[in-house]
C-alpha cells in the first residue's frame, strides 16, 4: 500500500471517540518521518495505536548486534506496510504490520538480505 496519508486516515476512522485527534496531529505523532513519500516507520505512539486497534503484528529478531544505517534506509525505501523498530542493543528487532513482509523476512532469515532483494 505505502500511502501514509491513507494509512493515517484509516487508523483515525477506526479509533474510539476518546482517542480521536486531528489528522495533522496523528501524522506528526504516529510516524517517524511525516512526509508522505517517506517510509512507514512508526513512533512509540504509533505503535500504541496499532496495539489499541488490535492490528496483527509479527516480530523479526535481528541477528546483527544493532540496526545499522543501511538497514534503516532499506526499511524506509522498501517496506509497503507500517513497521516499528526496537533498538534495544541486546534484542534489536523489527515489528512488521504486514504478514507478507514478515513471512518473507523470516524465510530469508537475514533482514538486510531480505531488504536488498525485496521490491514490494
N, C-alpha and C. Protein backbone atom coordinates (compact mmCIF):
# COMPACT_ATOMS: atom_id res chain seq x y z
N UNK A 1 0.84 -1.19 0.00
CA UNK A 1 0.00 0.00 0.00
C UNK A 1 0.88 1.26 0.00
N UNK A 2 1.68 1.45 1.00
CA UNK A 2 2.67 2.53 1.12
C UNK A 2 2.12 3.93 0.85
N UNK A 3 1.04 4.25 1.50
CA UNK A 3 0.49 5.59 1.40
C UNK A 3 0.18 6.07 2.81
N UNK A 4 1.08 6.89 3.33
CA UNK A 4 0.98 7.33 4.72
C UNK A 4 -0.31 8.11 4.98
N UNK A 5 -0.74 8.91 4.03
CA UNK A 5 -1.98 9.67 4.18
C UNK A 5 -3.16 8.72 4.33
N UNK A 6 -3.21 7.70 3.50
CA UNK A 6 -4.31 6.74 3.56
C UNK A 6 -4.26 5.92 4.85
N UNK A 7 -3.06 5.44 5.23
CA UNK A 7 -2.92 4.71 6.49
C UNK A 7 -3.42 5.56 7.66
N UNK A 8 -2.99 6.81 7.71
CA UNK A 8 -3.37 7.70 8.81
C UNK A 8 -4.88 7.87 8.86
N UNK A 9 -5.51 8.09 7.72
CA UNK A 9 -6.97 8.26 7.66
C UNK A 9 -7.70 7.00 8.12
N UNK A 10 -7.25 5.86 7.65
CA UNK A 10 -7.89 4.59 8.03
C UNK A 10 -7.79 4.36 9.53
N UNK A 11 -6.60 4.58 10.08
CA UNK A 11 -6.42 4.39 11.52
C UNK A 11 -7.28 5.36 12.33
N UNK A 12 -7.31 6.62 11.91
CA UNK A 12 -8.13 7.62 12.61
C UNK A 12 -9.60 7.23 12.63
N UNK A 13 -10.10 6.71 11.52
CA UNK A 13 -11.51 6.33 11.42
C UNK A 13 -11.85 5.13 12.30
N UNK A 14 -10.86 4.32 12.65
CA UNK A 14 -11.10 3.14 13.47
C UNK A 14 -10.95 3.41 14.97
N UNK A 15 -10.41 4.56 15.31
CA UNK A 15 -10.17 4.87 16.72
C UNK A 15 -11.46 5.11 17.49
N UNK A 16 -11.49 4.69 18.76
CA UNK A 16 -12.64 5.05 19.61
C UNK A 16 -12.69 6.56 19.80
N UNK A 17 -13.85 7.07 20.06
CA UNK A 17 -14.06 8.52 20.15
C UNK A 17 -13.08 9.20 21.11
N UNK A 18 -12.82 8.60 22.26
CA UNK A 18 -11.95 9.23 23.25
C UNK A 18 -10.48 9.30 22.80
N UNK A 19 -10.12 8.58 21.77
CA UNK A 19 -8.74 8.60 21.25
C UNK A 19 -8.59 9.48 20.01
N UNK A 20 -9.68 10.01 19.50
CA UNK A 20 -9.64 10.77 18.25
C UNK A 20 -8.82 12.05 18.39
N UNK A 21 -8.01 12.29 17.38
CA UNK A 21 -7.20 13.51 17.28
C UNK A 21 -7.28 13.99 15.84
N UNK A 22 -6.72 15.15 15.57
CA UNK A 22 -6.76 15.66 14.20
C UNK A 22 -5.81 14.86 13.31
N UNK A 23 -6.07 14.92 12.02
CA UNK A 23 -5.21 14.24 11.04
C UNK A 23 -3.77 14.74 11.15
N UNK A 24 -3.60 16.05 11.22
CA UNK A 24 -2.25 16.63 11.28
C UNK A 24 -1.51 16.20 12.54
N UNK A 25 -2.21 16.16 13.66
CA UNK A 25 -1.58 15.71 14.90
C UNK A 25 -1.18 14.24 14.80
N UNK A 26 -2.07 13.42 14.28
CA UNK A 26 -1.78 12.00 14.12
C UNK A 26 -0.55 11.79 13.24
N UNK A 27 -0.49 12.51 12.16
CA UNK A 27 0.64 12.39 11.23
C UNK A 27 1.96 12.70 11.93
N UNK A 28 1.96 13.69 12.80
CA UNK A 28 3.18 14.10 13.49
C UNK A 28 3.57 13.12 14.60
N UNK A 29 2.60 12.62 15.34
CA UNK A 29 2.97 11.78 16.49
C UNK A 29 3.00 10.28 16.21
N UNK A 30 2.47 9.84 15.08
CA UNK A 30 2.47 8.41 14.76
C UNK A 30 3.63 7.96 13.88
N UNK A 31 4.19 8.87 13.09
CA UNK A 31 5.20 8.48 12.10
C UNK A 31 6.54 9.14 12.41
N UNK A 32 7.62 8.38 12.22
CA UNK A 32 8.97 8.92 12.45
C UNK A 32 9.27 10.05 11.48
N UNK A 33 8.80 9.94 10.26
CA UNK A 33 9.01 10.97 9.24
C UNK A 33 7.63 11.30 8.68
N UNK A 34 7.23 12.56 8.75
CA UNK A 34 5.84 12.90 8.38
C UNK A 34 5.62 13.08 6.87
N UNK A 35 6.69 13.17 6.08
CA UNK A 35 6.50 13.32 4.63
C UNK A 35 5.79 12.10 4.06
N UNK A 36 4.85 12.30 3.17
CA UNK A 36 4.09 11.19 2.62
C UNK A 36 4.97 10.23 1.81
N UNK A 37 6.01 10.74 1.18
CA UNK A 37 6.88 9.91 0.33
C UNK A 37 7.86 9.07 1.15
N UNK A 38 8.01 9.37 2.42
CA UNK A 38 8.98 8.65 3.25
C UNK A 38 8.38 7.32 3.71
N UNK A 39 9.20 6.55 4.40
CA UNK A 39 8.79 5.23 4.85
C UNK A 39 7.71 5.25 5.91
N UNK A 40 7.32 4.06 6.32
CA UNK A 40 6.19 3.88 7.23
C UNK A 40 6.63 3.45 8.63
N UNK A 41 7.75 3.99 9.08
CA UNK A 41 8.24 3.67 10.42
C UNK A 41 7.39 4.39 11.47
N UNK A 42 6.89 3.61 12.41
CA UNK A 42 6.04 4.14 13.47
C UNK A 42 6.87 4.65 14.64
N UNK A 43 6.32 5.65 15.32
CA UNK A 43 6.87 6.08 16.60
C UNK A 43 6.29 5.16 17.68
N UNK A 44 6.72 5.36 18.90
CA UNK A 44 6.16 4.58 20.01
C UNK A 44 4.65 4.82 20.14
N UNK A 45 4.22 6.07 19.92
CA UNK A 45 2.79 6.38 19.97
C UNK A 45 2.05 5.72 18.81
N UNK A 46 2.66 5.68 17.64
CA UNK A 46 2.06 4.99 16.51
C UNK A 46 1.90 3.51 16.78
N UNK A 47 2.89 2.92 17.42
CA UNK A 47 2.81 1.50 17.79
C UNK A 47 1.68 1.29 18.81
N UNK A 48 1.53 2.21 19.76
CA UNK A 48 0.46 2.10 20.75
C UNK A 48 -0.91 2.09 20.07
N UNK A 49 -1.06 2.92 19.05
CA UNK A 49 -2.33 2.97 18.31
C UNK A 49 -2.58 1.66 17.59
N UNK A 50 -1.55 1.08 17.00
CA UNK A 50 -1.70 -0.20 16.30
C UNK A 50 -2.14 -1.28 17.30
N UNK A 51 -1.55 -1.26 18.49
CA UNK A 51 -1.92 -2.23 19.53
C UNK A 51 -3.34 -1.98 20.02
N UNK A 52 -3.69 -0.71 20.21
CA UNK A 52 -5.04 -0.34 20.64
C UNK A 52 -6.09 -0.87 19.66
N UNK A 53 -5.77 -0.78 18.37
CA UNK A 53 -6.70 -1.24 17.34
C UNK A 53 -6.59 -2.74 17.08
N UNK A 54 -5.72 -3.39 17.85
CA UNK A 54 -5.53 -4.84 17.76
C UNK A 54 -5.12 -5.28 16.34
N UNK A 55 -4.24 -4.51 15.75
CA UNK A 55 -3.73 -4.85 14.41
C UNK A 55 -2.61 -5.86 14.57
N UNK A 56 -2.73 -6.95 13.85
CA UNK A 56 -1.78 -8.04 13.98
C UNK A 56 -0.37 -7.60 13.58
N UNK A 57 0.60 -8.08 14.36
CA UNK A 57 1.99 -7.75 14.06
C UNK A 57 2.85 -8.99 14.21
N UNK A 58 4.05 -8.89 13.67
CA UNK A 58 4.99 -10.00 13.65
C UNK A 58 6.38 -9.47 14.00
N UNK A 59 7.02 -10.10 14.96
CA UNK A 59 8.34 -9.67 15.40
C UNK A 59 9.41 -10.45 14.65
N UNK A 60 10.39 -9.71 14.14
CA UNK A 60 11.55 -10.32 13.49
C UNK A 60 12.78 -9.89 14.28
N UNK A 61 13.44 -10.85 14.91
CA UNK A 61 14.65 -10.54 15.69
C UNK A 61 15.83 -10.42 14.76
N UNK A 62 16.58 -9.38 14.94
CA UNK A 62 17.74 -9.12 14.08
C UNK A 62 18.95 -9.80 14.66
N UNK A 63 19.66 -10.54 13.82
CA UNK A 63 20.80 -11.30 14.30
C UNK A 63 22.05 -10.44 14.46
N UNK A 64 22.10 -9.31 13.81
CA UNK A 64 23.24 -8.41 13.95
C UNK A 64 23.23 -7.77 15.33
N UNK A 65 24.34 -7.20 15.73
CA UNK A 65 24.44 -6.55 17.04
C UNK A 65 23.51 -5.35 17.15
N UNK A 66 23.29 -4.68 16.04
CA UNK A 66 22.44 -3.49 16.06
C UNK A 66 21.89 -3.23 14.66
N UNK A 67 20.96 -2.32 14.59
CA UNK A 67 20.39 -1.94 13.31
C UNK A 67 21.28 -0.84 12.73
N UNK A 68 21.88 -1.11 11.59
CA UNK A 68 22.79 -0.12 11.01
C UNK A 68 22.05 0.83 10.06
N UNK A 69 22.76 1.85 9.61
CA UNK A 69 22.15 2.87 8.74
C UNK A 69 21.63 2.30 7.44
N UNK A 70 22.33 1.32 6.89
CA UNK A 70 21.88 0.72 5.63
C UNK A 70 20.53 0.03 5.81
N UNK A 71 20.38 -0.69 6.91
CA UNK A 71 19.10 -1.36 7.18
C UNK A 71 17.99 -0.33 7.38
N UNK A 72 18.28 0.74 8.11
CA UNK A 72 17.27 1.80 8.30
C UNK A 72 16.81 2.38 6.97
N UNK A 73 17.76 2.65 6.10
CA UNK A 73 17.44 3.21 4.79
C UNK A 73 16.63 2.22 3.95
N UNK A 74 17.02 0.96 3.95
CA UNK A 74 16.29 -0.05 3.18
C UNK A 74 14.88 -0.26 3.72
N UNK A 75 14.72 -0.26 5.04
CA UNK A 75 13.38 -0.37 5.62
C UNK A 75 12.51 0.78 5.13
N UNK A 76 13.07 1.98 5.16
CA UNK A 76 12.36 3.18 4.75
C UNK A 76 11.95 3.12 3.28
N UNK A 77 12.81 2.60 2.45
CA UNK A 77 12.58 2.60 1.00
C UNK A 77 11.72 1.44 0.52
N UNK A 78 11.83 0.28 1.15
CA UNK A 78 11.25 -0.93 0.58
C UNK A 78 9.93 -1.39 1.18
N UNK A 79 9.75 -1.24 2.49
CA UNK A 79 8.55 -1.81 3.10
C UNK A 79 7.29 -1.05 2.68
N UNK A 80 6.24 -1.81 2.46
CA UNK A 80 4.97 -1.26 1.99
C UNK A 80 3.94 -1.12 3.10
N UNK A 81 4.22 -1.70 4.25
CA UNK A 81 3.31 -1.64 5.40
C UNK A 81 4.05 -1.04 6.60
N UNK A 82 3.32 -0.51 7.57
CA UNK A 82 3.96 0.09 8.74
C UNK A 82 4.85 -0.91 9.49
N UNK A 83 5.83 -0.37 10.20
CA UNK A 83 6.73 -1.18 11.00
C UNK A 83 7.25 -0.35 12.16
N UNK A 84 7.70 -1.04 13.19
CA UNK A 84 8.28 -0.39 14.36
C UNK A 84 9.62 -1.04 14.64
N UNK A 85 10.60 -0.24 15.02
CA UNK A 85 11.94 -0.76 15.31
C UNK A 85 12.21 -0.72 16.80
N UNK A 86 12.56 -1.87 17.34
CA UNK A 86 13.03 -1.96 18.72
C UNK A 86 14.55 -1.85 18.66
N UNK A 87 15.10 -0.83 19.27
CA UNK A 87 16.54 -0.58 19.16
C UNK A 87 17.34 -1.06 20.36
N UNK A 88 16.71 -1.84 21.24
CA UNK A 88 17.43 -2.39 22.39
C UNK A 88 18.67 -3.13 21.89
N UNK A 89 19.84 -2.76 22.39
CA UNK A 89 21.10 -3.35 21.91
C UNK A 89 21.17 -4.85 22.16
N UNK A 90 20.48 -5.33 23.18
CA UNK A 90 20.52 -6.77 23.48
C UNK A 90 19.60 -7.57 22.56
N UNK A 91 18.48 -6.98 22.17
CA UNK A 91 17.48 -7.69 21.36
C UNK A 91 16.90 -6.81 20.27
N UNK A 92 17.73 -6.34 19.33
CA UNK A 92 17.16 -5.49 18.26
C UNK A 92 16.18 -6.30 17.42
N UNK A 93 15.08 -5.65 17.05
CA UNK A 93 14.08 -6.34 16.23
C UNK A 93 13.21 -5.34 15.50
N UNK A 94 12.47 -5.88 14.54
CA UNK A 94 11.51 -5.09 13.78
C UNK A 94 10.15 -5.73 13.96
N UNK A 95 9.16 -4.90 14.21
CA UNK A 95 7.78 -5.38 14.31
C UNK A 95 7.09 -5.00 13.01
N UNK A 96 6.73 -6.01 12.23
CA UNK A 96 6.06 -5.81 10.95
C UNK A 96 4.55 -5.78 11.15
N UNK A 97 3.87 -4.91 10.42
CA UNK A 97 2.41 -4.88 10.42
C UNK A 97 1.88 -5.33 9.06
N UNK A 98 2.67 -6.10 8.36
CA UNK A 98 2.27 -6.70 7.11
C UNK A 98 2.74 -8.15 7.11
N UNK A 99 1.82 -9.09 6.98
CA UNK A 99 2.19 -10.50 7.08
C UNK A 99 3.10 -10.95 5.94
N UNK A 100 2.88 -10.45 4.74
CA UNK A 100 3.71 -10.84 3.60
C UNK A 100 5.18 -10.49 3.87
N UNK A 101 5.42 -9.28 4.30
CA UNK A 101 6.80 -8.85 4.55
C UNK A 101 7.41 -9.60 5.72
N UNK A 102 6.62 -9.87 6.74
CA UNK A 102 7.12 -10.63 7.90
C UNK A 102 7.52 -12.05 7.51
N UNK A 103 6.67 -12.71 6.72
CA UNK A 103 6.95 -14.07 6.28
C UNK A 103 8.21 -14.09 5.42
N UNK A 104 8.31 -13.17 4.47
CA UNK A 104 9.49 -13.14 3.60
C UNK A 104 10.78 -12.87 4.38
N UNK A 105 10.72 -11.96 5.34
CA UNK A 105 11.91 -11.67 6.15
C UNK A 105 12.33 -12.92 6.93
N UNK A 106 11.35 -13.63 7.47
CA UNK A 106 11.67 -14.85 8.22
C UNK A 106 12.20 -15.95 7.31
N UNK A 107 11.70 -16.04 6.10
CA UNK A 107 12.22 -17.03 5.16
C UNK A 107 13.67 -16.75 4.80
N UNK A 108 13.99 -15.48 4.61
CA UNK A 108 15.38 -15.10 4.34
C UNK A 108 16.25 -15.34 5.56
N UNK A 109 15.72 -15.02 6.73
CA UNK A 109 16.48 -15.19 7.96
C UNK A 109 17.48 -14.07 8.23
N UNK A 110 17.69 -13.22 7.26
CA UNK A 110 18.63 -12.11 7.38
C UNK A 110 17.92 -10.86 6.86
N UNK A 111 17.70 -9.90 7.75
CA UNK A 111 16.91 -8.72 7.38
C UNK A 111 17.52 -7.94 6.24
N UNK A 112 18.81 -7.72 6.28
CA UNK A 112 19.45 -6.92 5.23
C UNK A 112 19.35 -7.61 3.88
N UNK A 113 19.58 -8.91 3.82
CA UNK A 113 19.48 -9.64 2.54
C UNK A 113 18.05 -9.60 2.01
N UNK A 114 17.09 -9.76 2.92
CA UNK A 114 15.69 -9.66 2.51
C UNK A 114 15.40 -8.30 1.90
N UNK A 115 15.80 -7.25 2.59
CA UNK A 115 15.51 -5.88 2.13
C UNK A 115 16.21 -5.55 0.82
N UNK A 116 17.41 -6.05 0.64
CA UNK A 116 18.14 -5.80 -0.60
C UNK A 116 17.48 -6.43 -1.81
N UNK A 117 16.74 -7.50 -1.60
CA UNK A 117 16.10 -8.19 -2.73
C UNK A 117 14.61 -7.89 -2.86
N UNK A 118 14.01 -7.26 -1.86
CA UNK A 118 12.57 -7.04 -1.84
C UNK A 118 12.22 -5.72 -2.52
N UNK A 119 11.21 -5.78 -3.40
CA UNK A 119 10.76 -4.58 -4.11
C UNK A 119 9.27 -4.33 -3.92
N UNK A 120 8.71 -4.86 -2.85
CA UNK A 120 7.30 -4.62 -2.53
C UNK A 120 6.42 -5.22 -3.53
